[in-house]
């Protein structure tokens, strides 16, 4: 498993990755999944990463990049005919 972009989030990312890989191989691929039991861990990781990006000012760059590419994204997300 890879490290998080933010070292302070490595522990929660590792717990999520471990949970997801187990759930994916033992539940999802066997078509037994009714819920994503790792979702709470993902939320914890997402929160940690968001805070780290905000602290470093990277969240603004991401927002600007998304705004700059909104039209391009819309074109590529359109259903194929």
Protein backbone atom coordinates (compact mmCIF):
# COMPACT_ATOMS: atom_id res chain seq x y z
CA UNK A 1 0.00 0.00 0.00
CA UNK A 2 1.18 3.47 -0.73
CA UNK A 3 1.66 6.31 1.71
CA UNK A 4 -0.76 9.19 1.91
CA UNK A 5 -0.02 12.52 0.27
CA UNK A 6 -0.05 13.89 3.82
CA UNK A 7 2.19 11.90 6.20
CA UNK A 8 -0.07 12.75 9.15
CA UNK A 9 -2.82 10.75 7.42
CA UNK A 10 -0.76 7.59 6.82
CA UNK A 11 -2.26 5.66 9.75
CA UNK A 12 -5.90 6.20 8.79
CA UNK A 13 -5.11 5.59 5.10
CA UNK A 14 -3.47 2.28 5.97
CA UNK A 15 -6.52 1.22 8.02
CA UNK A 16 -8.82 2.19 5.14
CA UNK A 17 -6.68 0.45 2.51
CA UNK A 18 -6.57 -2.74 4.58
CA UNK A 19 -10.33 -2.67 5.12
CA UNK A 20 -11.06 -1.93 1.46
CA UNK A 21 -8.81 -4.65 0.07
CA UNK A 22 -10.37 -7.23 2.40
CA UNK A 23 -13.93 -6.05 1.64
CA UNK A 24 -13.27 -5.94 -2.10
CA UNK A 25 -11.78 -9.42 -2.35
CA UNK A 26 -13.91 -11.21 0.24
CA UNK A 27 -17.25 -9.49 -0.21
CA UNK A 28 -17.60 -7.36 -3.33
CA UNK A 29 -16.04 -9.75 -5.83
CA UNK A 30 -18.15 -12.58 -4.43
CA UNK A 31 -21.24 -10.42 -4.98
CA UNK A 32 -22.12 -10.45 -1.29
CA UNK A 33 -21.86 -6.70 -0.77
CA UNK A 34 -24.88 -4.81 0.46
CA UNK A 35 -22.97 -1.84 1.89
CA UNK A 36 -19.46 -0.47 1.87
CA UNK A 37 -18.40 -1.30 5.40
CA UNK A 38 -15.19 0.71 4.94
CA UNK A 39 -17.00 3.98 4.24
CA UNK A 40 -16.51 5.34 7.79
CA UNK A 41 -12.74 4.85 7.50
CA UNK A 42 -12.75 6.52 4.10
CA UNK A 43 -14.59 9.51 5.60
CA UNK A 44 -11.90 9.75 8.32
CA UNK A 45 -9.14 9.66 5.70
CA UNK A 46 -10.93 12.18 3.49
CA UNK A 47 -11.32 14.54 6.46
CA UNK A 48 -7.65 14.22 7.43
CA UNK A 49 -6.47 14.75 3.86
CA UNK A 50 -8.77 17.73 3.32
CA UNK A 51 -7.42 19.39 6.46
CA UNK A 52 -3.82 18.73 5.37
CA UNK A 53 -4.43 20.16 1.90
CA UNK A 54 -6.12 23.22 3.38
CA UNK A 55 -3.23 23.78 5.81
CA UNK A 56 -0.79 23.72 2.89
CA UNK A 57 -2.96 25.94 0.66
CA UNK A 58 -3.32 23.19 -1.90
CA UNK A 59 -7.12 23.12 -1.60
CA UNK A 60 -7.30 26.50 -3.40
CA UNK A 61 -5.15 25.23 -6.27
CA UNK A 62 -7.37 22.17 -6.65
CA UNK A 63 -10.50 24.34 -6.66
CA UNK A 64 -9.00 26.66 -9.28
CA UNK A 65 -7.96 23.72 -11.47
CA UNK A 66 -11.48 22.26 -11.27
CA UNK A 67 -13.02 25.63 -12.16
CA UNK A 68 -10.62 26.05 -15.11
CA UNK A 69 -11.53 22.63 -16.49
CA UNK A 70 -15.27 22.56 -15.85
CA UNK A 71 -16.21 22.74 -19.57
CA UNK A 72 -13.64 20.13 -20.51
CA UNK A 73 -14.87 17.80 -17.78
CA UNK A 74 -18.49 18.25 -18.87
CA UNK A 75 -17.60 17.31 -22.43
CA UNK A 76 -15.78 14.14 -21.39
CA UNK A 77 -18.45 13.11 -18.89
CA UNK A 78 -21.23 13.31 -21.47
CA UNK A 79 -22.77 9.92 -22.37
CA UNK A 80 -21.43 8.43 -25.60
CA UNK A 81 -23.90 8.17 -28.42
